[in-house]
Amino acid sequence: MTFAERLRQLRDERGLSEARLAVASGLPYGTVHTYAMGRRLPSFASVVKLSRALGVSTEAFADCSDIAGEEPEPAPSAPAPSRPVGKRK
């Protein structure tokens, strides 16, 4: 099941229109519609907002085939300083 399919399923189970979900989640209607149509995948922050508005945990979307298993990009490592940092004597 894709994120869009799961979002529609949860929304339908609760009797919410896309417009009502948008208001409840604080996301613009166009954004919710784009997710529901599968044209774009949400950020984690959007998943949290949608989950809260739907009354479910973010885990409700964990098995979605189009987002499952995504790993965050590792943070770039900082280059080593060219000289010791500290007070000069």
N, C-alpha and C. Protein backbone atom coordinates (compact mmCIF):
# COMPACT_ATOMS: atom_id res chain seq x y z
N MET A 1 0.84 -1.17 0.00
CA MET A 1 0.00 0.00 0.00
C MET A 1 0.89 1.24 0.00
N THR A 2 0.56 2.20 -0.84
CA THR A 2 1.34 3.43 -0.91
C THR A 2 0.89 4.41 0.18
N PHE A 3 1.68 5.46 0.37
CA PHE A 3 1.31 6.48 1.34
C PHE A 3 -0.04 7.09 0.97
N ALA A 4 -0.25 7.39 -0.30
CA ALA A 4 -1.51 8.00 -0.75
C ALA A 4 -2.69 7.08 -0.44
N GLU A 5 -2.54 5.79 -0.70
CA GLU A 5 -3.62 4.84 -0.43
C GLU A 5 -3.92 4.77 1.07
N ARG A 6 -2.88 4.72 1.88
CA ARG A 6 -3.07 4.64 3.33
C ARG A 6 -3.71 5.92 3.86
N LEU A 7 -3.27 7.05 3.35
CA LEU A 7 -3.84 8.33 3.77
C LEU A 7 -5.33 8.38 3.44
N ARG A 8 -5.69 7.98 2.23
CA ARG A 8 -7.11 7.96 1.84
C ARG A 8 -7.91 6.99 2.70
N GLN A 9 -7.32 5.82 2.99
CA GLN A 9 -8.01 4.83 3.81
C GLN A 9 -8.31 5.40 5.20
N LEU A 10 -7.30 5.95 5.84
CA LEU A 10 -7.47 6.50 7.19
C LEU A 10 -8.45 7.67 7.19
N ARG A 11 -8.37 8.51 6.18
CA ARG A 11 -9.26 9.66 6.08
C ARG A 11 -10.71 9.19 5.89
N ASP A 12 -10.90 8.22 5.00
CA ASP A 12 -12.25 7.69 4.75
C ASP A 12 -12.83 7.02 5.98
N GLU A 13 -12.01 6.26 6.72
CA GLU A 13 -12.48 5.59 7.94
C GLU A 13 -13.00 6.59 8.97
N ARG A 14 -12.45 7.80 8.93
CA ARG A 14 -12.84 8.81 9.91
C ARG A 14 -13.87 9.79 9.35
N GLY A 15 -14.25 9.57 8.10
CA GLY A 15 -15.25 10.44 7.49
C GLY A 15 -14.78 11.86 7.25
N LEU A 16 -13.49 12.02 7.02
CA LEU A 16 -12.92 13.35 6.80
C LEU A 16 -12.70 13.62 5.31
N SER A 17 -13.06 14.79 4.88
CA SER A 17 -12.72 15.21 3.52
C SER A 17 -11.26 15.69 3.53
N GLU A 18 -10.70 15.86 2.36
CA GLU A 18 -9.34 16.40 2.29
C GLU A 18 -9.30 17.79 2.91
N ALA A 19 -10.35 18.57 2.66
CA ALA A 19 -10.40 19.94 3.21
C ALA A 19 -10.43 19.92 4.74
N ARG A 20 -11.23 19.04 5.33
CA ARG A 20 -11.30 18.94 6.80
C ARG A 20 -9.98 18.45 7.37
N LEU A 21 -9.34 17.49 6.69
CA LEU A 21 -8.04 17.00 7.15
C LEU A 21 -7.00 18.11 7.08
N ALA A 22 -7.07 18.91 6.04
CA ALA A 22 -6.13 20.03 5.91
C ALA A 22 -6.27 20.99 7.09
N VAL A 23 -7.50 21.34 7.42
CA VAL A 23 -7.73 22.25 8.55
C VAL A 23 -7.25 21.61 9.85
N ALA A 24 -7.61 20.35 10.06
CA ALA A 24 -7.24 19.66 11.31
C ALA A 24 -5.73 19.50 11.46
N SER A 25 -5.03 19.32 10.35
CA SER A 25 -3.59 19.10 10.41
C SER A 25 -2.78 20.39 10.35
N GLY A 26 -3.41 21.47 9.91
CA GLY A 26 -2.68 22.73 9.75
C GLY A 26 -1.89 22.80 8.47
N LEU A 27 -2.12 21.85 7.56
CA LEU A 27 -1.44 21.84 6.26
C LEU A 27 -2.36 22.48 5.22
N PRO A 28 -1.79 23.11 4.20
CA PRO A 28 -2.63 23.66 3.14
C PRO A 28 -3.40 22.55 2.42
N TYR A 29 -4.62 22.88 1.97
CA TYR A 29 -5.44 21.91 1.26
C TYR A 29 -4.68 21.33 0.06
N GLY A 30 -4.02 22.16 -0.71
CA GLY A 30 -3.28 21.70 -1.89
C GLY A 30 -2.22 20.67 -1.55
N THR A 31 -1.60 20.83 -0.41
CA THR A 31 -0.58 19.88 0.03
C THR A 31 -1.21 18.54 0.36
N VAL A 32 -2.29 18.56 1.11
CA VAL A 32 -2.99 17.32 1.46
C VAL A 32 -3.48 16.62 0.20
N HIS A 33 -4.04 17.38 -0.72
CA HIS A 33 -4.54 16.81 -1.98
C HIS A 33 -3.39 16.18 -2.78
N THR A 34 -2.27 16.85 -2.83
CA THR A 34 -1.11 16.32 -3.55
C THR A 34 -0.64 15.00 -2.95
N TYR A 35 -0.61 14.90 -1.62
CA TYR A 35 -0.25 13.65 -0.96
C TYR A 35 -1.29 12.56 -1.26
N ALA A 36 -2.57 12.94 -1.21
CA ALA A 36 -3.65 11.96 -1.43
C ALA A 36 -3.67 11.44 -2.86
N MET A 37 -3.20 12.24 -3.79
CA MET A 37 -3.15 11.82 -5.19
C MET A 37 -1.85 11.07 -5.52
N GLY A 38 -0.92 11.05 -4.57
CA GLY A 38 0.34 10.35 -4.79
C GLY A 38 1.32 11.10 -5.66
N ARG A 39 1.14 12.38 -5.79
CA ARG A 39 2.03 13.19 -6.62
C ARG A 39 3.29 13.63 -5.90
N ARG A 40 3.24 13.56 -4.58
CA ARG A 40 4.39 13.99 -3.77
C ARG A 40 4.37 13.22 -2.47
N LEU A 41 5.54 12.96 -1.92
CA LEU A 41 5.65 12.31 -0.62
C LEU A 41 5.88 13.37 0.45
N PRO A 42 5.32 13.16 1.63
CA PRO A 42 5.43 14.17 2.69
C PRO A 42 6.76 14.12 3.42
N SER A 43 7.07 15.24 4.04
CA SER A 43 8.20 15.28 4.97
C SER A 43 7.75 14.58 6.25
N PHE A 44 8.70 14.27 7.12
CA PHE A 44 8.33 13.65 8.39
C PHE A 44 7.44 14.58 9.21
N ALA A 45 7.74 15.87 9.17
CA ALA A 45 6.91 16.84 9.91
C ALA A 45 5.46 16.79 9.44
N SER A 46 5.25 16.64 8.13
CA SER A 46 3.89 16.54 7.60
C SER A 46 3.22 15.24 8.03
N VAL A 47 3.98 14.15 8.06
CA VAL A 47 3.43 12.87 8.52
C VAL A 47 2.97 13.00 9.97
N VAL A 48 3.75 13.67 10.78
CA VAL A 48 3.37 13.88 12.18
C VAL A 48 2.07 14.67 12.27
N LYS A 49 1.97 15.76 11.50
CA LYS A 49 0.75 16.58 11.53
C LYS A 49 -0.46 15.79 11.06
N LEU A 50 -0.31 15.03 9.99
CA LEU A 50 -1.41 14.23 9.47
C LEU A 50 -1.81 13.14 10.47
N SER A 51 -0.82 12.50 11.06
CA SER A 51 -1.09 11.44 12.04
C SER A 51 -1.88 11.98 13.23
N ARG A 52 -1.47 13.13 13.74
CA ARG A 52 -2.18 13.73 14.87
C ARG A 52 -3.62 14.06 14.49
N ALA A 53 -3.79 14.63 13.29
CA ALA A 53 -5.14 15.00 12.85
C ALA A 53 -6.02 13.78 12.65
N LEU A 54 -5.41 12.65 12.27
CA LEU A 54 -6.16 11.41 12.06
C LEU A 54 -6.31 10.58 13.33
N GLY A 55 -5.60 10.98 14.39
CA GLY A 55 -5.67 10.25 15.65
C GLY A 55 -4.94 8.93 15.63
N VAL A 56 -3.86 8.86 14.86
CA VAL A 56 -3.06 7.64 14.77
C VAL A 56 -1.59 7.96 15.02
N SER A 57 -0.82 6.94 15.27
CA SER A 57 0.62 7.08 15.41
C SER A 57 1.24 7.20 14.01
N THR A 58 2.41 7.76 13.94
CA THR A 58 3.13 7.80 12.67
C THR A 58 3.42 6.38 12.16
N GLU A 59 3.38 5.42 13.07
CA GLU A 59 3.58 4.01 12.69
C GLU A 59 2.51 3.53 11.71
N ALA A 60 1.38 4.22 11.65
CA ALA A 60 0.31 3.84 10.72
C ALA A 60 0.78 3.93 9.27
N PHE A 61 1.83 4.72 9.04
CA PHE A 61 2.37 4.89 7.69
C PHE A 61 3.68 4.13 7.48
N ALA A 62 4.14 3.42 8.49
CA ALA A 62 5.46 2.78 8.43
C ALA A 62 5.58 1.72 7.34
N ASP A 63 4.50 1.05 7.01
CA ASP A 63 4.57 -0.02 6.01
C ASP A 63 4.25 0.44 4.60
N CYS A 64 4.16 1.71 4.37
CA CYS A 64 3.86 2.21 3.03
C CYS A 64 5.02 1.88 2.09
N SER A 65 4.69 1.28 0.97
CA SER A 65 5.72 0.78 0.05
C SER A 65 6.59 1.88 -0.54
N ASP A 66 6.07 3.07 -0.66
CA ASP A 66 6.86 4.14 -1.28
C ASP A 66 7.70 4.93 -0.29
N ILE A 67 7.52 4.71 1.00
CA ILE A 67 8.37 5.40 1.97
C ILE A 67 9.04 4.45 2.95
N ALA A 68 8.63 3.19 2.99
CA ALA A 68 9.21 2.24 3.93
C ALA A 68 10.70 2.06 3.66
N GLY A 69 11.46 2.02 4.70
CA GLY A 69 12.89 1.73 4.59
C GLY A 69 13.75 2.92 4.22
N GLU A 70 13.17 4.10 4.12
CA GLU A 70 14.00 5.26 3.83
C GLU A 70 14.87 5.54 5.04
N GLU A 71 16.11 5.78 4.76
CA GLU A 71 17.06 6.12 5.82
C GLU A 71 17.49 7.56 5.64
N PRO A 72 17.65 8.30 6.71
CA PRO A 72 18.11 9.67 6.56
C PRO A 72 19.55 9.70 6.04
N GLU A 73 19.85 10.74 5.31
CA GLU A 73 21.21 10.92 4.81
C GLU A 73 22.14 11.15 6.00
N PRO A 74 23.32 10.54 6.00
CA PRO A 74 24.25 10.79 7.11
C PRO A 74 24.72 12.24 7.09
N ALA A 75 24.91 12.78 8.26
CA ALA A 75 25.40 14.15 8.36
C ALA A 75 26.84 14.20 7.86
N PRO A 76 27.18 15.24 7.12
CA PRO A 76 28.57 15.34 6.65
C PRO A 76 29.51 15.52 7.83
N SER A 77 30.65 14.89 7.74
CA SER A 77 31.61 15.03 8.83
C SER A 77 32.35 16.34 8.69
N ALA A 78 32.65 16.94 9.81
CA ALA A 78 33.35 18.22 9.82
C ALA A 78 34.83 17.99 9.52
N PRO A 79 35.40 18.87 8.72
CA PRO A 79 36.83 18.72 8.44
C PRO A 79 37.65 18.96 9.70
N ALA A 80 38.76 18.29 9.81
CA ALA A 80 39.64 18.46 10.96
C ALA A 80 40.27 19.85 10.90
N PRO A 81 40.43 20.51 12.07
CA PRO A 81 41.06 21.84 12.06
C PRO A 81 42.50 21.73 11.58
N SER A 82 42.96 22.76 10.88
CA SER A 82 44.33 22.74 10.35
C SER A 82 45.37 22.98 11.43
N ARG A 83 44.96 23.59 12.51
CA ARG A 83 45.87 23.80 13.64
C ARG A 83 45.10 23.59 14.92
N PRO A 84 45.76 23.30 15.99
CA PRO A 84 45.05 23.10 17.26
C PRO A 84 44.26 24.36 17.63
N VAL A 85 43.10 24.14 18.14
CA VAL A 85 42.25 25.25 18.56
C VAL A 85 42.46 25.45 20.05
N GLY A 86 42.59 26.68 20.47
CA GLY A 86 42.78 26.97 21.87
C GLY A 86 43.46 28.31 22.05
N LYS A 87 43.79 28.63 23.29
CA LYS A 87 44.44 29.92 23.57
C LYS A 87 45.91 29.86 23.19
N ARG A 88 46.37 30.98 22.69
CA ARG A 88 47.79 31.10 22.40
C ARG A 88 48.50 31.60 23.63
N LYS A 89 49.71 31.17 23.82
CA LYS A 89 50.49 31.62 24.98
C LYS A 89 51.51 32.62 24.57
